[in-house]
Amino acid sequence: MRYLIVPTTAVAFSAALGFAGVAHGAPTGPDSAADTIAKLEAEGRRVIVNRVGAAPLSQCAVTSVTAGHDITDRNPVGDTGSVERVRYRTVYVTVSC
């Protein structure tokens, strides 16, 4: 029986790349964590940062990006109906400093 051992950093990074198709500002390339977060916020996402280490954010590297929950509102339509609309989307960014 053979086992494949993959470092968790590689797994986290590949998960972040898998999310890159959805979040256009996800980490791809030499951008700092601050740049990645700024791109996601510019797309209208609410970013929640999980930081490992104490260096300034500009010196951190993104290790994963995970989609969070959509925050929605219900707006009345007519006398008896309503429609749900997305207020904003959240995304969790894990950085290592």
PDB file of N, CA and C in Angstrom:
ATOM      1  N   MET A   1       0.847  -1.170   0.000  1.00  0.00           N
ATOM      2  CA  MET A   1       0.000   0.000   0.000  1.00  0.00           C
ATOM      3  C   MET A   1       0.890   1.229   0.000  1.00  0.00           C
ATOM      4  N   ARG A   2       0.579   2.224  -0.853  1.00  0.00           N
ATOM      5  CA  ARG A   2       1.366   3.434  -0.941  1.00  0.00           C
ATOM      6  C   ARG A   2       0.579   4.599  -0.372  1.00  0.00           C
ATOM      7  N   TYR A   3       1.289   5.509   0.259  1.00  0.00           N
ATOM      8  CA  TYR A   3       0.673   6.706   0.813  1.00  0.00           C
ATOM      9  C   TYR A   3       1.293   7.931   0.164  1.00  0.00           C
ATOM     10  N   LEU A   4       0.474   8.920  -0.051  1.00  0.00           N
ATOM     11  CA  LEU A   4       0.951  10.177  -0.586  1.00  0.00           C
ATOM     12  C   LEU A   4       0.891  11.213   0.525  1.00  0.00           C
ATOM     13  N   ILE A   5       2.033  11.775   0.856  1.00  0.00           N
ATOM     14  CA  ILE A   5       2.093  12.784   1.903  1.00  0.00           C
ATOM     15  C   ILE A   5       2.249  14.140   1.231  1.00  0.00           C
ATOM     16  N   VAL A   6       1.302  15.016   1.498  1.00  0.00           N
ATOM     17  CA  VAL A   6       1.309  16.345   0.907  1.00  0.00           C
ATOM     18  C   VAL A   6       1.396  17.357   2.042  1.00  0.00           C
ATOM     19  N   PRO A   7       2.346  18.279   1.953  1.00  0.00           N
ATOM     20  CA  PRO A   7       2.417  19.305   3.001  1.00  0.00           C
ATOM     21  C   PRO A   7       1.127  20.121   3.049  1.00  0.00           C
ATOM     22  N   THR A   8       0.728  20.507   4.253  1.00  0.00           N
ATOM     23  CA  THR A   8      -0.530  21.242   4.393  1.00  0.00           C
ATOM     24  C   THR A   8      -0.496  22.578   3.674  1.00  0.00           C
ATOM     25  N   THR A   9       0.683  23.175   3.544  1.00  0.00           N
ATOM     26  CA  THR A   9       0.781  24.445   2.836  1.00  0.00           C
ATOM     27  C   THR A   9       0.394  24.260   1.378  1.00  0.00           C
ATOM     28  N   ALA A  10       0.851  23.181   0.765  1.00  0.00           N
ATOM     29  CA  ALA A  10       0.507  22.919  -0.629  1.00  0.00           C
ATOM     30  C   ALA A  10      -0.987  22.675  -0.778  1.00  0.00           C
ATOM     31  N   VAL A  11      -1.568  21.968   0.161  1.00  0.00           N
ATOM     32  CA  VAL A  11      -3.008  21.715   0.115  1.00  0.00           C
ATOM     33  C   VAL A  11      -3.775  23.023   0.260  1.00  0.00           C
ATOM     34  N   ALA A  12      -3.367  23.845   1.204  1.00  0.00           N
ATOM     35  CA  ALA A  12      -4.038  25.130   1.414  1.00  0.00           C
ATOM     36  C   ALA A  12      -3.890  26.020   0.198  1.00  0.00           C
ATOM     37  N   PHE A  13      -2.696  26.034  -0.405  1.00  0.00           N
ATOM     38  CA  PHE A  13      -2.473  26.871  -1.572  1.00  0.00           C
ATOM     39  C   PHE A  13      -3.304  26.384  -2.751  1.00  0.00           C
ATOM     40  N   SER A  14      -3.402  25.071  -2.947  1.00  0.00           N
ATOM     41  CA  SER A  14      -4.213  24.560  -4.041  1.00  0.00           C
ATOM     42  C   SER A  14      -5.688  24.844  -3.806  1.00  0.00           C
ATOM     43  N   ALA A  15      -6.115  24.851  -2.548  1.00  0.00           N
ATOM     44  CA  ALA A  15      -7.494  25.221  -2.239  1.00  0.00           C
ATOM     45  C   ALA A  15      -7.727  26.689  -2.596  1.00  0.00           C
ATOM     46  N   ALA A  16      -6.740  27.522  -2.329  1.00  0.00           N
ATOM     47  CA  ALA A  16      -6.857  28.940  -2.661  1.00  0.00           C
ATOM     48  C   ALA A  16      -6.928  29.118  -4.168  1.00  0.00           C
ATOM     49  N   LEU A  17      -6.143  28.357  -4.906  1.00  0.00           N
ATOM     50  CA  LEU A  17      -6.194  28.459  -6.363  1.00  0.00           C
ATOM     51  C   LEU A  17      -7.525  27.955  -6.904  1.00  0.00           C
ATOM     52  N   GLY A  18      -8.087  26.947  -6.258  1.00  0.00           N
ATOM     53  CA  GLY A  18      -9.401  26.459  -6.676  1.00  0.00           C
ATOM     54  C   GLY A  18     -10.458  27.521  -6.489  1.00  0.00           C
ATOM     55  N   PHE A  19     -10.297  28.372  -5.497  1.00  0.00           N
ATOM     56  CA  PHE A  19     -11.233  29.450  -5.237  1.00  0.00           C
ATOM     57  C   PHE A  19     -10.987  30.627  -6.163  1.00  0.00           C
ATOM     58  N   ALA A  20      -9.817  30.661  -6.802  1.00  0.00           N
ATOM     59  CA  ALA A  20      -9.448  31.804  -7.641  1.00  0.00           C
ATOM     60  C   ALA A  20     -10.427  32.002  -8.791  1.00  0.00           C
ATOM     61  N   GLY A  21     -11.056  30.941  -9.259  1.00  0.00           N
ATOM     62  CA  GLY A  21     -12.031  31.102 -10.331  1.00  0.00           C
ATOM     63  C   GLY A  21     -13.260  31.860  -9.868  1.00  0.00           C
ATOM     64  N   VAL A  22     -13.589  31.772  -8.605  1.00  0.00           N
ATOM     65  CA  VAL A  22     -14.753  32.453  -8.067  1.00  0.00           C
ATOM     66  C   VAL A  22     -14.403  33.853  -7.601  1.00  0.00           C
ATOM     67  N   ALA A  23     -13.337  33.978  -6.854  1.00  0.00           N
ATOM     68  CA  ALA A  23     -12.908  35.288  -6.368  1.00  0.00           C
ATOM     69  C   ALA A  23     -11.746  35.741  -7.227  1.00  0.00           C
ATOM     70  N   HIS A  24     -11.994  36.629  -8.124  1.00  0.00           N
ATOM     71  CA  HIS A  24     -11.001  37.017  -9.108  1.00  0.00           C
ATOM     72  C   HIS A  24      -9.749  37.590  -8.483  1.00  0.00           C
ATOM     73  N   GLY A  25      -9.810  38.047  -7.251  1.00  0.00           N
ATOM     74  CA  GLY A  25      -8.648  38.619  -6.606  1.00  0.00           C
ATOM     75  C   GLY A  25      -7.921  37.643  -5.702  1.00  0.00           C
ATOM     76  N   ALA A  26      -8.216  36.365  -5.804  1.00  0.00           N
ATOM     77  CA  ALA A  26      -7.569  35.384  -4.945  1.00  0.00           C
ATOM     78  C   ALA A  26      -6.080  35.308  -5.268  1.00  0.00           C
ATOM     79  N   PRO A  27      -5.286  34.789  -4.348  1.00  0.00           N
ATOM     80  CA  PRO A  27      -3.843  34.848  -4.500  1.00  0.00           C
ATOM     81  C   PRO A  27      -3.338  34.059  -5.692  1.00  0.00           C
ATOM     82  N   THR A  28      -2.734  34.745  -6.609  1.00  0.00           N
ATOM     83  CA  THR A  28      -2.060  34.114  -7.733  1.00  0.00           C
ATOM     84  C   THR A  28      -0.873  34.995  -8.075  1.00  0.00           C
ATOM     85  N   GLY A  29       0.299  34.636  -7.631  1.00  0.00           N
ATOM     86  CA  GLY A  29       1.466  35.421  -7.979  1.00  0.00           C
ATOM     87  C   GLY A  29       2.101  36.087  -6.783  1.00  0.00           C
ATOM     88  N   PRO A  30       2.920  37.120  -7.060  1.00  0.00           N
ATOM     89  CA  PRO A  30       3.746  37.711  -6.015  1.00  0.00           C
ATOM     90  C   PRO A  30       3.061  38.776  -5.164  1.00  0.00           C
ATOM     91  N   ASP A  31       1.768  38.947  -5.274  1.00  0.00           N
ATOM     92  CA  ASP A  31       1.077  39.965  -4.476  1.00  0.00           C
ATOM     93  C   ASP A  31       1.221  39.669  -2.990  1.00  0.00           C
ATOM     94  N   SER A  32       1.318  40.723  -2.201  1.00  0.00           N
ATOM     95  CA  SER A  32       1.349  40.550  -0.751  1.00  0.00           C
ATOM     96  C   SER A  32      -0.064  40.253  -0.264  1.00  0.00           C
ATOM     97  N   ALA A  33      -0.165  39.853   0.976  1.00  0.00           N
ATOM     98  CA  ALA A  33      -1.480  39.596   1.559  1.00  0.00           C
ATOM     99  C   ALA A  33      -2.329  40.863   1.531  1.00  0.00           C
ATOM    100  N   ALA A  34      -1.698  42.010   1.800  1.00  0.00           N
ATOM    101  CA  ALA A  34      -2.426  43.284   1.783  1.00  0.00           C
ATOM    102  C   ALA A  34      -3.006  43.562   0.395  1.00  0.00           C
ATOM    103  N   ASP A  35      -2.240  43.259  -0.656  1.00  0.00           N
ATOM    104  CA  ASP A  35      -2.724  43.462  -2.021  1.00  0.00           C
ATOM    105  C   ASP A  35      -3.903  42.540  -2.335  1.00  0.00           C
ATOM    106  N   THR A  36      -3.787  41.289  -1.920  1.00  0.00           N
ATOM    107  CA  THR A  36      -4.862  40.317  -2.162  1.00  0.00           C
ATOM    108  C   THR A  36      -6.138  40.745  -1.448  1.00  0.00           C
ATOM    109  N   ILE A  37      -6.009  41.165  -0.199  1.00  0.00           N
ATOM    110  CA  ILE A  37      -7.170  41.606   0.579  1.00  0.00           C
ATOM    111  C   ILE A  37      -7.797  42.827  -0.062  1.00  0.00           C
ATOM    112  N   ALA A  38      -6.974  43.765  -0.516  1.00  0.00           N
ATOM    113  CA  ALA A  38      -7.485  44.974  -1.171  1.00  0.00           C
ATOM    114  C   ALA A  38      -8.252  44.625  -2.443  1.00  0.00           C
ATOM    115  N   LYS A  39      -7.761  43.659  -3.208  1.00  0.00           N
ATOM    116  CA  LYS A  39      -8.451  43.239  -4.441  1.00  0.00           C
ATOM    117  C   LYS A  39      -9.818  42.630  -4.112  1.00  0.00           C
ATOM    118  N   LEU A  40      -9.852  41.778  -3.091  1.00  0.00           N
ATOM    119  CA  LEU A  40     -11.121  41.149  -2.717  1.00  0.00           C
ATOM    120  C   LEU A  40     -12.118  42.196  -2.226  1.00  0.00           C
ATOM    121  N   GLU A  41     -11.652  43.167  -1.454  1.00  0.00           N
ATOM    122  CA  GLU A  41     -12.532  44.230  -0.971  1.00  0.00           C
ATOM    123  C   GLU A  41     -13.015  45.104  -2.120  1.00  0.00           C
ATOM    124  N   ALA A  42     -12.154  45.331  -3.117  1.00  0.00           N
ATOM    125  CA  ALA A  42     -12.547  46.121  -4.282  1.00  0.00           C
ATOM    126  C   ALA A  42     -13.647  45.428  -5.085  1.00  0.00           C
ATOM    127  N   GLU A  43     -13.713  44.110  -4.983  1.00  0.00           N
ATOM    128  CA  GLU A  43     -14.771  43.337  -5.642  1.00  0.00           C
ATOM    129  C   GLU A  43     -16.066  43.356  -4.838  1.00  0.00           C
ATOM    130  N   GLY A  44     -16.057  44.020  -3.683  1.00  0.00           N
ATOM    131  CA  GLY A  44     -17.255  44.121  -2.867  1.00  0.00           C
ATOM    132  C   GLY A  44     -17.383  43.050  -1.805  1.00  0.00           C
ATOM    133  N   ARG A  45     -16.344  42.271  -1.591  1.00  0.00           N
ATOM    134  CA  ARG A  45     -16.400  41.225  -0.572  1.00  0.00           C
ATOM    135  C   ARG A  45     -16.007  41.785   0.792  1.00  0.00           C
ATOM    136  N   ARG A  46     -16.559  41.203   1.852  1.00  0.00           N
ATOM    137  CA  ARG A  46     -16.143  41.503   3.218  1.00  0.00           C
ATOM    138  C   ARG A  46     -15.086  40.465   3.569  1.00  0.00           C
ATOM    139  N   VAL A  47     -13.890  40.906   3.897  1.00  0.00           N
ATOM    140  CA  VAL A  47     -12.764  40.007   4.141  1.00  0.00           C
ATOM    141  C   VAL A  47     -12.542  39.848   5.639  1.00  0.00           C
ATOM    142  N   ILE A  48     -12.458  38.604   6.082  1.00  0.00           N
ATOM    143  CA  ILE A  48     -12.130  38.271   7.462  1.00  0.00           C
ATOM    144  C   ILE A  48     -10.754  37.618   7.434  1.00  0.00           C
ATOM    145  N   VAL A  49      -9.784  38.243   8.112  1.00  0.00           N
ATOM    146  CA  VAL A  49      -8.395  37.792   8.057  1.00  0.00           C
ATOM    147  C   VAL A  49      -8.066  36.943   9.278  1.00  0.00           C
ATOM    148  N   ASN A  50      -7.510  35.766   9.025  1.00  0.00           N
ATOM    149  CA  ASN A  50      -6.966  34.893  10.067  1.00  0.00           C
ATOM    150  C   ASN A  50      -5.457  34.964   9.915  1.00  0.00           C
ATOM    151  N   ARG A  51      -4.769  35.522  10.906  1.00  0.00           N
ATOM    152  CA  ARG A  51      -3.332  35.762  10.792  1.00  0.00           C
ATOM    153  C   ARG A  51      -2.548  34.801  11.681  1.00  0.00           C
ATOM    154  N   VAL A  52      -1.464  34.244  11.120  1.00  0.00           N
ATOM    155  CA  VAL A  52      -0.520  33.424  11.871  1.00  0.00           C
ATOM    156  C   VAL A  52       0.808  34.174  11.849  1.00  0.00           C
ATOM    157  N   GLY A  53       1.216  34.716  12.987  1.00  0.00           N
ATOM    158  CA  GLY A  53       2.441  35.500  13.062  1.00  0.00           C
ATOM    159  C   GLY A  53       2.124  36.946  13.384  1.00  0.00           C
ATOM    160  N   ALA A  54       3.187  37.744  13.561  1.00  0.00           N
ATOM    161  CA  ALA A  54       2.988  39.117  14.017  1.00  0.00           C
ATOM    162  C   ALA A  54       3.596  40.169  13.092  1.00  0.00           C
ATOM    163  N   ALA A  55       4.112  39.782  11.944  1.00  0.00           N
ATOM    164  CA  ALA A  55       4.702  40.753  11.020  1.00  0.00           C
ATOM    165  C   ALA A  55       3.607  41.635  10.425  1.00  0.00           C
ATOM    166  N   PRO A  56       3.981  42.784   9.874  1.00  0.00           N
ATOM    167  CA  PRO A  56       2.983  43.631   9.209  1.00  0.00           C
ATOM    168  C   PRO A  56       2.318  42.871   8.057  1.00  0.00           C
ATOM    169  N   LEU A  57       1.086  43.210   7.792  1.00  0.00           N
ATOM    170  CA  LEU A  57       0.317  42.519   6.759  1.00  0.00           C
ATOM    171  C   LEU A  57       1.010  42.580   5.395  1.00  0.00           C
ATOM    172  N   SER A  58       1.733  43.650   5.119  1.00  0.00           N
ATOM    173  CA  SER A  58       2.419  43.777   3.826  1.00  0.00           C
ATOM    174  C   SER A  58       3.539  42.749   3.668  1.00  0.00           C
ATOM    175  N   GLN A  59       3.960  42.124   4.764  1.00  0.00           N
ATOM    176  CA  GLN A  59       5.015  41.111   4.713  1.00  0.00           C
ATOM    177  C   GLN A  59       4.470  39.694   4.848  1.00  0.00           C
ATOM    178  N   CYS A  60       3.171  39.544   4.865  1.00  0.00           N
ATOM    179  CA  CYS A  60       2.541  38.233   5.025  1.00  0.00           C
ATOM    180  C   CYS A  60       2.249  37.605   3.668  1.00  0.00           C
ATOM    181  N   ALA A  61       2.166  36.287   3.667  1.00  0.00           N
ATOM    182  CA  ALA A  61       1.799  35.530   2.473  1.00  0.00           C
ATOM    183  C   ALA A  61       0.440  34.880   2.702  1.00  0.00           C
ATOM    184  N   VAL A  62      -0.380  34.863   1.681  1.00  0.00           N
ATOM    185  CA  VAL A  62      -1.693  34.228   1.765  1.00  0.00           C
ATOM    186  C   VAL A  62      -1.509  32.722   1.686  1.00  0.00           C
ATOM    187  N   THR A  63      -2.073  31.996   2.640  1.00  0.00           N
ATOM    188  CA  THR A  63      -1.991  30.537   2.627  1.00  0.00           C
ATOM    189  C   THR A  63      -3.304  29.894   2.208  1.00  0.00           C
ATOM    190  N   SER A  64      -4.432  30.600   2.393  1.00  0.00           N
ATOM    191  CA  SER A  64      -5.707  30.058   1.913  1.00  0.00           C
ATOM    192  C   SER A  64      -6.743  31.164   1.796  1.00  0.00           C
ATOM    193  N   VAL A  65      -7.674  30.928   0.890  1.00  0.00           N
ATOM    194  CA  VAL A  65      -8.833  31.807   0.705  1.00  0.00           C
ATOM    195  C   VAL A  65     -10.053  30.906   0.652  1.00  0.00           C
ATOM    196  N   THR A  66     -11.029  31.186   1.515  1.00  0.00           N
ATOM    197  CA  THR A  66     -12.219  30.344   1.606  1.00  0.00           C
ATOM    198  C   THR A  66     -13.466  31.213   1.549  1.00  0.00           C
ATOM    199  N   ALA A  67     -14.419  30.801   0.749  1.00  0.00           N
ATOM    200  CA  ALA A  67     -15.675  31.547   0.657  1.00  0.00           C
ATOM    201  C   ALA A  67     -16.452  31.423   1.952  1.00  0.00           C
ATOM    202  N   GLY A  68     -17.042  32.536   2.375  1.00  0.00           N
ATOM    203  CA  GLY A  68     -17.892  32.543   3.552  1.00  0.00           C
ATOM    204  C   GLY A  68     -19.355  32.547   3.139  1.00  0.00           C
ATOM    205  N   HIS A  69     -20.204  32.949   4.055  1.00  0.00           N
ATOM    206  CA  HIS A  69     -21.635  33.002   3.786  1.00  0.00           C
ATOM    207  C   HIS A  69     -22.021  34.318   3.128  1.00  0.00           C
ATOM    208  N   ASP A  70     -23.050  34.259   2.295  1.00  0.00           N
ATOM    209  CA  ASP A  70     -23.634  35.484   1.750  1.00  0.00           C
ATOM    210  C   ASP A  70     -24.531  36.098   2.818  1.00  0.00           C
ATOM    211  N   ILE A  71     -24.468  37.407   2.962  1.00  0.00           N
ATOM    212  CA  ILE A  71     -25.342  38.123   3.892  1.00  0.00           C
ATOM    213  C   ILE A  71     -26.455  38.734   3.048  1.00  0.00           C
ATOM    214  N   THR A  72     -27.690  38.394   3.386  1.00  0.00           N
ATOM    215  CA  THR A  72     -28.823  38.784   2.548  1.00  0.00           C
ATOM    216  C   THR A  72     -29.851  39.610   3.318  1.00  0.00           C
ATOM    217  N   ASP A  73     -30.694  40.279   2.559  1.00  0.00           N
ATOM    218  CA  ASP A  73     -31.849  41.023   3.075  1.00  0.00           C
ATOM    219  C   ASP A  73     -33.093  40.514   2.363  1.00  0.00           C
ATOM    220  N   ARG A  74     -34.221  40.638   3.019  1.00  0.00           N
ATOM    221  CA  ARG A  74     -35.504  40.363   2.374  1.00  0.00           C
ATOM    222  C   ARG A  74     -36.196  41.693   2.166  1.00  0.00           C
ATOM    223  N   ASN A  75     -36.559  41.981   0.924  1.00  0.00           N
ATOM    224  CA  ASN A  75     -37.250  43.219   0.588  1.00  0.00           C
ATOM    225  C   ASN A  75     -38.691  42.900   0.207  1.00  0.00           C
ATOM    226  N   PRO A  76     -39.638  43.664   0.724  1.00  0.00           N
ATOM    227  CA  PRO A  76     -41.040  43.417   0.393  1.00  0.00           C
ATOM    228  C   PRO A  76     -41.314  43.721  -1.083  1.00  0.00           C
ATOM    229  N   VAL A  77     -42.165  42.882  -1.659  1.00  0.00           N
ATOM    230  CA  VAL A  77     -42.614  43.077  -3.034  1.00  0.00           C
ATOM    231  C   VAL A  77     -44.135  42.961  -3.019  1.00  0.00           C
ATOM    232  N   GLY A  78     -44.805  44.029  -3.375  1.00  0.00           N
ATOM    233  CA  GLY A  78     -46.268  44.009  -3.355  1.00  0.00           C
ATOM    234  C   GLY A  78     -46.780  43.927  -1.930  1.00  0.00           C
ATOM    235  N   ASP A  79     -47.995  43.366  -1.796  1.00  0.00           N
ATOM    236  CA  ASP A  79     -48.623  43.292  -0.483  1.00  0.00           C
ATOM    237  C   ASP A  79     -48.238  42.045   0.312  1.00  0.00           C
ATOM    238  N   THR A  80     -47.927  40.948  -0.375  1.00  0.00           N
ATOM    239  CA  THR A  80     -47.712  39.693   0.350  1.00  0.00           C
ATOM    240  C   THR A  80     -46.385  39.010   0.040  1.00  0.00           C
ATOM    241  N   GLY A  81     -45.609  39.509  -0.887  1.00  0.00           N
ATOM    242  CA  GLY A  81     -44.391  38.812  -1.277  1.00  0.00           C
ATOM    243  C   GLY A  81     -43.130  39.508  -0.806  1.00  0.00           C
ATOM    244  N   SER A  82     -42.030  38.852  -1.041  1.00  0.00           N
ATOM    245  CA  SER A  82     -40.731  39.437  -0.744  1.00  0.00           C
ATOM    246  C   SER A  82     -39.693  38.792  -1.653  1.00  0.00           C
ATOM    247  N   VAL A  83     -38.575  39.476  -1.787  1.00  0.00           N
ATOM    248  CA  VAL A  83     -37.473  38.957  -2.588  1.00  0.00           C
ATOM    249  C   VAL A  83     -36.192  39.084  -1.768  1.00  0.00           C
ATOM    250  N   GLU A  84     -35.361  38.071  -1.873  1.00  0.00           N
ATOM    251  CA  GLU A  84     -34.103  38.078  -1.138  1.00  0.00           C
ATOM    252  C   GLU A  84     -33.003  38.634  -2.035  1.00  0.00           C
ATOM    253  N   ARG A  85     -32.185  39.540  -1.487  1.00  0.00           N
ATOM    254  CA  ARG A  85     -31.056  40.071  -2.250  1.00  0.00           C
ATOM    255  C   ARG A  85     -29.792  39.955  -1.411  1.00  0.00           C
ATOM    256  N   VAL A  86     -28.668  39.762  -2.076  1.00  0.00           N
ATOM    257  CA  VAL A  86     -27.381  39.640  -1.394  1.00  0.00           C
ATOM    258  C   VAL A  86     -26.868  41.037  -1.068  1.00  0.00           C
ATOM    259  N   ARG A  87     -26.627  41.302   0.211  1.00  0.00           N
ATOM    260  CA  ARG A  87     -26.026  42.576   0.645  1.00  0.00           C
ATOM    261  C   ARG A  87     -24.531  42.552   0.393  1.00  0.00           C
ATOM    262  N   TYR A  88     -23.879  41.465   0.814  1.00  0.00           N
ATOM    263  CA  TYR A  88     -22.456  41.296   0.541  1.00  0.00           C
ATOM    264  C   TYR A  88     -22.067  39.836   0.732  1.00  0.00           C
ATOM    265  N   ARG A  89     -20.909  39.494   0.187  1.00  0.00           N
ATOM    266  CA  ARG A  89     -20.357  38.144   0.309  1.00  0.00           C
ATOM    267  C   ARG A  89     -19.125  38.218   1.199  1.00  0.00           C
ATOM    268  N   THR A  90     -18.958  37.218   2.044  1.00  0.00           N
ATOM    269  CA  THR A  90     -17.786  37.195   2.909  1.00  0.00           C
ATOM    270  C   THR A  90     -16.758  36.212   2.347  1.00  0.00           C
ATOM    271  N   VAL A  91     -15.507  36.453   2.695  1.00  0.00           N
ATOM    272  CA  VAL A  91     -14.420  35.562   2.317  1.00  0.00           C
ATOM    273  C   VAL A  91     -13.405  35.554   3.461  1.00  0.00           C
ATOM    274  N   TYR A  92     -12.887  34.379   3.776  1.00  0.00           N
ATOM    275  CA  TYR A  92     -11.889  34.218   4.832  1.00  0.00           C
ATOM    276  C   TYR A  92     -10.519  34.070   4.188  1.00  0.00           C
ATOM    277  N   VAL A  93      -9.584  34.912   4.592  1.00  0.00           N
ATOM    278  CA  VAL A  93      -8.221  34.881   4.076  1.00  0.00           C
ATOM    279  C   VAL A  93      -7.293  34.534   5.224  1.00  0.00           C
ATOM    280  N   THR A  94      -6.543  33.456   5.092  1.00  0.00           N
ATOM    281  CA  THR A  94      -5.568  33.068   6.094  1.00  0.00           C
ATOM    282  C   THR A  94      -4.190  33.485   5.597  1.00  0.00           C
ATOM    283  N   VAL A  95      -3.455  34.203   6.459  1.00  0.00           N
ATOM    284  CA  VAL A  95      -2.123  34.680   6.070  1.00  0.00           C
ATOM    285  C   VAL A  95      -1.089  34.185   7.088  1.00  0.00           C
ATOM    286  N   SER A  96       0.118  33.993   6.606  1.00  0.00           N
ATOM    287  CA  SER A  96       1.246  33.583   7.460  1.00  0.00           C
ATOM    288  C   SER A  96       2.311  34.667   7.366  1.00  0.00           C
ATOM    289  N   CYS A  97       2.753  35.126   8.532  1.00  0.00           N
ATOM    290  CA  CYS A  97       3.717  36.240   8.577  1.00  0.00           C
ATOM    291  C   CYS A  97       5.060  35.803   9.122  1.00  0.00           C
TER     292      CYS A  97
END
